[in-house]
Amino acid sequence: MTATLALTAAALYAAGLAILALLHLRFPGHRLLRDPVSDYGLGTSKPWFQAMGWAGSVAGLLLAWAMARAGLPGWIAACLAGSVAARLGVTAFPTDLEGAAPTATGRLHMLFAVVSFALYYTVVDNATPLLAASAGAPWAGVLAPLRWLAAASLAALVACLVLRPLRAWFGLAERIFLIAIPLWFLAASLVLAAR
């Protein structure tokens, strides 16, 4: 049962990454370095953005269940489940486009994004040593570098939000984070499936 949950989660994380790539290829009107990924949640790209959100949300619930069944601390699985709730908020409440007047919906989107990012990193940071210790090759060597990539990109993302001269790089920092996180979750899923 744990292997089935984990393999299904891995497939959904891979699908989410494929949709993220498709968004960039099919809807090239957004600035890769500057614009947030959430801008794809508006206009004609919205259905694809929502599909990516749903794939990641279902994957997160399945992985949280697999983690709990595999004996990881319950609070780690709870954080992952909490990130799913926050991710659903990100999907449900559209962002405000840059330069537009702030809206209540846009503020909710930002709140849910901050919560989801914090919970994602909490899971990655705390589960990496636990999973890497029991993972065979090549997964033990994959989890730690993805953890550091997630940490560095999250720090860069926060710096871009706080330091005005860096805002032009926000989109790049966010995209690196939003690739590193599902890649880590995909690798973690495969580690749990192999147990």
C-alpha atoms as a PDB file:
ATOM      1  CA  MET A   1       0.000   0.000   0.000  1.00  0.00           C
ATOM      2  CA  THR A   2       2.787   2.474   0.888  1.00  0.00           C
ATOM      3  CA  ALA A   3       4.585   1.736  -2.385  1.00  0.00           C
ATOM      4  CA  THR A   4       1.392   2.277  -4.390  1.00  0.00           C
ATOM      5  CA  LEU A   5       0.717   5.599  -2.650  1.00  0.00           C
ATOM      6  CA  ALA A   6       4.299   6.725  -3.176  1.00  0.00           C
ATOM      7  CA  LEU A   7       4.470   5.694  -6.841  1.00  0.00           C
ATOM      8  CA  THR A   8       1.177   7.423  -7.601  1.00  0.00           C
ATOM      9  CA  ALA A   9       2.466  10.564  -5.852  1.00  0.00           C
ATOM     10  CA  ALA A  10       5.682  10.382  -7.898  1.00  0.00           C
ATOM     11  CA  ALA A  11       3.690  10.158 -11.145  1.00  0.00           C
ATOM     12  CA  LEU A  12       1.581  13.170 -10.145  1.00  0.00           C
ATOM     13  CA  TYR A  13       4.649  15.220  -9.195  1.00  0.00           C
ATOM     14  CA  ALA A  14       6.141  14.384 -12.600  1.00  0.00           C
ATOM     15  CA  ALA A  15       2.873  15.455 -14.246  1.00  0.00           C
ATOM     16  CA  GLY A  16       2.927  18.739 -12.316  1.00  0.00           C
ATOM     17  CA  LEU A  17       6.471  19.450 -13.490  1.00  0.00           C
ATOM     18  CA  ALA A  18       5.456  18.648 -17.070  1.00  0.00           C
ATOM     19  CA  ILE A  19       2.527  21.071 -16.808  1.00  0.00           C
ATOM     20  CA  LEU A  20       4.862  23.759 -15.438  1.00  0.00           C
ATOM     21  CA  ALA A  21       7.089  23.293 -18.487  1.00  0.00           C
ATOM     22  CA  LEU A  22       4.048  23.337 -20.778  1.00  0.00           C
ATOM     23  CA  LEU A  23       2.851  26.621 -19.240  1.00  0.00           C
ATOM     24  CA  HIS A  24       6.159  28.241 -20.119  1.00  0.00           C
ATOM     25  CA  LEU A  25       6.205  26.835 -23.634  1.00  0.00           C
ATOM     26  CA  ARG A  26       2.560  27.364 -24.547  1.00  0.00           C
ATOM     27  CA  PHE A  27       2.065  30.759 -22.874  1.00  0.00           C
ATOM     28  CA  PRO A  28       5.329  32.655 -23.435  1.00  0.00           C
ATOM     29  CA  GLY A  29       3.906  36.112 -22.659  1.00  0.00           C
ATOM     30  CA  HIS A  30       5.258  36.159 -19.097  1.00  0.00           C
ATOM     31  CA  ARG A  31       8.736  37.367 -18.183  1.00  0.00           C
ATOM     32  CA  LEU A  32      10.703  34.372 -16.942  1.00  0.00           C
ATOM     33  CA  LEU A  33      13.073  36.349 -14.731  1.00  0.00           C
ATOM     34  CA  ARG A  34      10.576  38.737 -13.159  1.00  0.00           C
ATOM     35  CA  ASP A  35       6.962  37.511 -13.247  1.00  0.00           C
ATOM     36  CA  PRO A  36       5.623  35.074 -10.648  1.00  0.00           C
ATOM     37  CA  VAL A  37       4.402  31.679 -11.772  1.00  0.00           C
ATOM     38  CA  SER A  38       0.999  32.580 -10.303  1.00  0.00           C
ATOM     39  CA  ASP A  39       0.452  34.945 -13.233  1.00  0.00           C
ATOM     40  CA  TYR A  40      -0.342  31.780 -15.216  1.00  0.00           C
ATOM     41  CA  GLY A  41      -3.423  31.458 -12.995  1.00  0.00           C
ATOM     42  CA  LEU A  42      -5.035  34.293 -14.947  1.00  0.00           C
ATOM     43  CA  GLY A  43      -6.389  34.358 -18.481  1.00  0.00           C
ATOM     44  CA  THR A  44      -6.224  31.515 -20.974  1.00  0.00           C
ATOM     45  CA  SER A  45      -3.505  29.665 -19.040  1.00  0.00           C
ATOM     46  CA  LYS A  46      -5.675  29.388 -15.916  1.00  0.00           C
ATOM     47  CA  PRO A  47      -6.979  25.828 -16.565  1.00  0.00           C
ATOM     48  CA  TRP A  48      -3.417  24.548 -16.950  1.00  0.00           C
ATOM     49  CA  PHE A  49      -2.289  26.379 -13.810  1.00  0.00           C
ATOM     50  CA  GLN A  50      -5.202  24.835 -11.907  1.00  0.00           C
ATOM     51  CA  ALA A  51      -4.394  21.372 -13.297  1.00  0.00           C
ATOM     52  CA  MET A  52      -0.831  21.796 -12.032  1.00  0.00           C
ATOM     53  CA  GLY A  53      -2.224  22.813  -8.635  1.00  0.00           C
ATOM     54  CA  TRP A  54      -4.529  19.816  -8.453  1.00  0.00           C
ATOM     55  CA  ALA A  55      -1.800  17.378  -9.500  1.00  0.00           C
ATOM     56  CA  GLY A  56       0.498  18.696  -6.774  1.00  0.00           C
ATOM     57  CA  SER A  57      -2.271  18.725  -4.192  1.00  0.00           C
ATOM     58  CA  VAL A  58      -3.321  15.118  -4.754  1.00  0.00           C
ATOM     59  CA  ALA A  59       0.350  14.099  -4.884  1.00  0.00           C
ATOM     60  CA  GLY A  60       0.968  15.871  -1.573  1.00  0.00           C
ATOM     61  CA  LEU A  61      -1.889  14.075   0.157  1.00  0.00           C
ATOM     62  CA  LEU A  62      -0.729  10.705  -1.154  1.00  0.00           C
ATOM     63  CA  LEU A  63       2.878  11.377  -0.133  1.00  0.00           C
ATOM     64  CA  ALA A  64       1.786  12.556   3.329  1.00  0.00           C
ATOM     65  CA  TRP A  65      -0.146   9.299   3.733  1.00  0.00           C
ATOM     66  CA  ALA A  66       2.849   7.279   2.509  1.00  0.00           C
ATOM     67  CA  MET A  67       5.154   9.117   4.924  1.00  0.00           C
ATOM     68  CA  ALA A  68       2.842   8.401   7.842  1.00  0.00           C
ATOM     69  CA  ARG A  69       2.574   4.717   6.866  1.00  0.00           C
ATOM     70  CA  ALA A  70       6.366   4.502   6.514  1.00  0.00           C
ATOM     71  CA  GLY A  71       6.862   5.696  10.099  1.00  0.00           C
ATOM     72  CA  LEU A  72       8.139   9.230   9.531  1.00  0.00           C
ATOM     73  CA  PRO A  73       7.173  11.620  12.332  1.00  0.00           C
ATOM     74  CA  GLY A  74       3.496  12.474  12.154  1.00  0.00           C
ATOM     75  CA  TRP A  75       4.150  16.205  12.282  1.00  0.00           C
ATOM     76  CA  ILE A  76       6.105  16.000   8.997  1.00  0.00           C
ATOM     77  CA  ALA A  77       3.168  14.312   7.273  1.00  0.00           C
ATOM     78  CA  ALA A  78       0.860  16.908   8.888  1.00  0.00           C
ATOM     79  CA  CYS A  79       3.006  19.750   7.498  1.00  0.00           C
ATOM     80  CA  LEU A  80       2.800  18.216   4.041  1.00  0.00           C
ATOM     81  CA  ALA A  81      -0.976  17.887   4.357  1.00  0.00           C
ATOM     82  CA  GLY A  82      -1.112  21.516   5.543  1.00  0.00           C
ATOM     83  CA  SER A  83       0.850  22.583   2.480  1.00  0.00           C
ATOM     84  CA  VAL A  84      -1.844  20.934   0.360  1.00  0.00           C
ATOM     85  CA  ALA A  85      -4.541  23.057   2.017  1.00  0.00           C
ATOM     86  CA  ALA A  86      -2.441  26.170   1.385  1.00  0.00           C
ATOM     87  CA  ARG A  87      -1.777  25.112  -2.208  1.00  0.00           C
ATOM     88  CA  LEU A  88      -5.506  24.788  -2.804  1.00  0.00           C
ATOM     89  CA  GLY A  89      -5.818  28.378  -1.584  1.00  0.00           C
ATOM     90  CA  VAL A  90      -3.124  29.457  -4.061  1.00  0.00           C
ATOM     91  CA  THR A  91      -5.077  27.722  -6.823  1.00  0.00           C
ATOM     92  CA  ALA A  92      -8.482  29.072  -5.758  1.00  0.00           C
ATOM     93  CA  PHE A  93      -7.531  32.727  -5.198  1.00  0.00           C
ATOM     94  CA  PRO A  94      -5.906  34.430  -8.214  1.00  0.00           C
ATOM     95  CA  THR A  95      -2.935  36.721  -7.766  1.00  0.00           C
ATOM     96  CA  ASP A  96      -2.865  40.429  -8.553  1.00  0.00           C
ATOM     97  CA  LEU A  97      -0.878  41.341 -11.645  1.00  0.00           C
ATOM     98  CA  GLU A  98       2.090  43.629 -11.084  1.00  0.00           C
ATOM     99  CA  GLY A  99       1.016  47.260 -11.156  1.00  0.00           C
ATOM    100  CA  ALA A 100      -2.665  46.478 -10.523  1.00  0.00           C
ATOM    101  CA  ALA A 101      -4.399  47.711  -7.391  1.00  0.00           C
ATOM    102  CA  PRO A 102      -4.144  45.139  -4.567  1.00  0.00           C
ATOM    103  CA  THR A 103      -7.298  43.109  -3.961  1.00  0.00           C
ATOM    104  CA  ALA A 104      -8.484  40.926  -1.089  1.00  0.00           C
ATOM    105  CA  THR A 105      -8.217  37.916  -3.404  1.00  0.00           C
ATOM    106  CA  GLY A 106      -4.627  38.798  -4.301  1.00  0.00           C
ATOM    107  CA  ARG A 107      -3.710  39.208  -0.624  1.00  0.00           C
ATOM    108  CA  LEU A 108      -5.212  35.795   0.165  1.00  0.00           C
ATOM    109  CA  HIS A 109      -3.228  34.323  -2.702  1.00  0.00           C
ATOM    110  CA  MET A 110      -0.013  35.771  -1.268  1.00  0.00           C
ATOM    111  CA  LEU A 111      -0.839  34.504   2.234  1.00  0.00           C
ATOM    112  CA  PHE A 112      -1.515  30.984   0.958  1.00  0.00           C
ATOM    113  CA  ALA A 113       1.666  31.075  -1.157  1.00  0.00           C
ATOM    114  CA  VAL A 114       3.815  32.095   1.828  1.00  0.00           C
ATOM    115  CA  VAL A 115       2.289  29.378   4.012  1.00  0.00           C
ATOM    116  CA  SER A 116       2.669  26.702   1.334  1.00  0.00           C
ATOM    117  CA  PHE A 117       6.303  27.627   0.626  1.00  0.00           C
ATOM    118  CA  ALA A 118       7.162  27.607   4.338  1.00  0.00           C
ATOM    119  CA  LEU A 119       5.508  24.222   4.852  1.00  0.00           C
ATOM    120  CA  TYR A 120       7.148  22.740   1.748  1.00  0.00           C
ATOM    121  CA  TYR A 121      10.563  23.713   3.012  1.00  0.00           C
ATOM    122  CA  THR A 122       9.814  22.514   6.549  1.00  0.00           C
ATOM    123  CA  VAL A 123       9.027  19.060   5.157  1.00  0.00           C
ATOM    124  CA  VAL A 124      12.067  18.985   2.866  1.00  0.00           C
ATOM    125  CA  ASP A 125      14.477  20.207   5.533  1.00  0.00           C
ATOM    126  CA  ASN A 126      13.320  17.797   8.225  1.00  0.00           C
ATOM    127  CA  ALA A 127      12.587  14.710   6.137  1.00  0.00           C
ATOM    128  CA  THR A 128      15.814  14.745   4.110  1.00  0.00           C
ATOM    129  CA  PRO A 129      18.076  13.286   6.812  1.00  0.00           C
ATOM    130  CA  LEU A 130      15.451  10.675   7.722  1.00  0.00           C
ATOM    131  CA  LEU A 131      14.904   9.512   4.156  1.00  0.00           C
ATOM    132  CA  ALA A 132      18.527   9.808   3.004  1.00  0.00           C
ATOM    133  CA  ALA A 133      19.654   7.565   5.866  1.00  0.00           C
ATOM    134  CA  SER A 134      17.471   4.731   4.608  1.00  0.00           C
ATOM    135  CA  ALA A 135      17.668   5.419   0.868  1.00  0.00           C
ATOM    136  CA  GLY A 136      19.786   3.397  -1.469  1.00  0.00           C
ATOM    137  CA  ALA A 137      21.696   4.757  -4.423  1.00  0.00           C
ATOM    138  CA  PRO A 138      21.032   6.996  -6.235  1.00  0.00           C
ATOM    139  CA  TRP A 139      18.367   8.577  -4.042  1.00  0.00           C
ATOM    140  CA  ALA A 140      20.541   9.307  -1.007  1.00  0.00           C
ATOM    141  CA  GLY A 141      22.722  11.455  -3.250  1.00  0.00           C
ATOM    142  CA  VAL A 142      19.729  13.253  -4.786  1.00  0.00           C
ATOM    143  CA  LEU A 143      17.767  14.346  -1.722  1.00  0.00           C
ATOM    144  CA  ALA A 144      20.481  16.441  -0.046  1.00  0.00           C
ATOM    145  CA  PRO A 145      21.414  18.539  -3.113  1.00  0.00           C
ATOM    146  CA  LEU A 146      17.720  19.201  -3.813  1.00  0.00           C
ATOM    147  CA  ARG A 147      17.321  20.247  -0.177  1.00  0.00           C
ATOM    148  CA  TRP A 148      20.144  22.786  -0.562  1.00  0.00           C
ATOM    149  CA  LEU A 149      18.742  24.023  -3.871  1.00  0.00           C
ATOM    150  CA  ALA A 150      15.357  24.520  -2.218  1.00  0.00           C
ATOM    151  CA  ALA A 151      16.974  26.417   0.673  1.00  0.00           C
ATOM    152  CA  ALA A 152      19.039  28.661  -1.596  1.00  0.00           C
ATOM    153  CA  SER A 153      16.140  29.447  -3.930  1.00  0.00           C
ATOM    154  CA  LEU A 154      13.781  30.144  -1.012  1.00  0.00           C
ATOM    155  CA  ALA A 155      16.341  32.534   0.485  1.00  0.00           C
ATOM    156  CA  ALA A 156      16.726  34.219  -2.910  1.00  0.00           C
ATOM    157  CA  LEU A 157      12.957  34.441  -3.291  1.00  0.00           C
ATOM    158  CA  VAL A 158      12.602  36.161   0.107  1.00  0.00           C
ATOM    159  CA  ALA A 159      15.491  38.511  -0.734  1.00  0.00           C
ATOM    160  CA  CYS A 160      13.739  39.442  -3.985  1.00  0.00           C
ATOM    161  CA  LEU A 161      10.577  40.291  -2.061  1.00  0.00           C
ATOM    162  CA  VAL A 162      12.345  42.354   0.590  1.00  0.00           C
ATOM    163  CA  LEU A 163      15.086  44.110  -1.394  1.00  0.00           C
ATOM    164  CA  ARG A 164      13.645  46.294  -4.136  1.00  0.00           C
ATOM    165  CA  PRO A 165      16.705  46.117  -6.464  1.00  0.00           C
ATOM    166  CA  LEU A 166      16.348  42.323  -6.561  1.00  0.00           C
ATOM    167  CA  ARG A 167      12.664  42.288  -7.515  1.00  0.00           C
ATOM    168  CA  ALA A 168      13.587  41.938 -11.171  1.00  0.00           C
ATOM    169  CA  TRP A 169      14.857  38.413 -10.333  1.00  0.00           C
ATOM    170  CA  PHE A 170      11.823  37.219  -8.342  1.00  0.00           C
ATOM    171  CA  GLY A 171      10.443  35.042 -11.144  1.00  0.00           C
ATOM    172  CA  LEU A 172      13.702  33.173 -11.579  1.00  0.00           C
ATOM    173  CA  ALA A 173      14.126  32.499  -7.837  1.00  0.00           C
ATOM    174  CA  GLU A 174      10.518  31.312  -7.564  1.00  0.00           C
ATOM    175  CA  ARG A 175      10.820  29.039 -10.595  1.00  0.00           C
ATOM    176  CA  ILE A 176      13.953  27.396  -9.214  1.00  0.00           C
ATOM    177  CA  PHE A 177      12.124  26.795  -5.908  1.00  0.00           C
ATOM    178  CA  LEU A 178       9.027  25.482  -7.686  1.00  0.00           C
ATOM    179  CA  ILE A 179      11.170  23.010  -9.610  1.00  0.00           C
ATOM    180  CA  ALA A 180      13.387  21.934  -6.690  1.00  0.00           C
ATOM    181  CA  ILE A 181      10.447  21.232  -4.360  1.00  0.00           C
ATOM    182  CA  PRO A 182       8.458  18.835  -6.587  1.00  0.00           C
ATOM    183  CA  LEU A 183      11.691  17.173  -7.695  1.00  0.00           C
ATOM    184  CA  TRP A 184      12.509  16.544  -4.027  1.00  0.00           C
ATOM    185  CA  PHE A 185       8.986  15.231  -3.397  1.00  0.00           C
ATOM    186  CA  LEU A 186       9.241  13.004  -6.466  1.00  0.00           C
ATOM    187  CA  ALA A 187      12.574  11.592  -5.246  1.00  0.00           C
ATOM    188  CA  ALA A 188      11.183  11.141  -1.716  1.00  0.00           C
ATOM    189  CA  SER A 189       8.207   9.278  -3.177  1.00  0.00           C
ATOM    190  CA  LEU A 190      10.539   6.906  -5.018  1.00  0.00           C
ATOM    191  CA  VAL A 191      12.567   6.356  -1.841  1.00  0.00           C
ATOM    192  CA  LEU A 192       9.419   5.387   0.043  1.00  0.00           C
ATOM    193  CA  ALA A 193       8.240   3.161  -2.836  1.00  0.00           C
ATOM    194  CA  ALA A 194      11.532   1.256  -2.725  1.00  0.00           C
ATOM    195  CA  ARG A 195      11.371   0.493   1.007  1.00  0.00           C
END
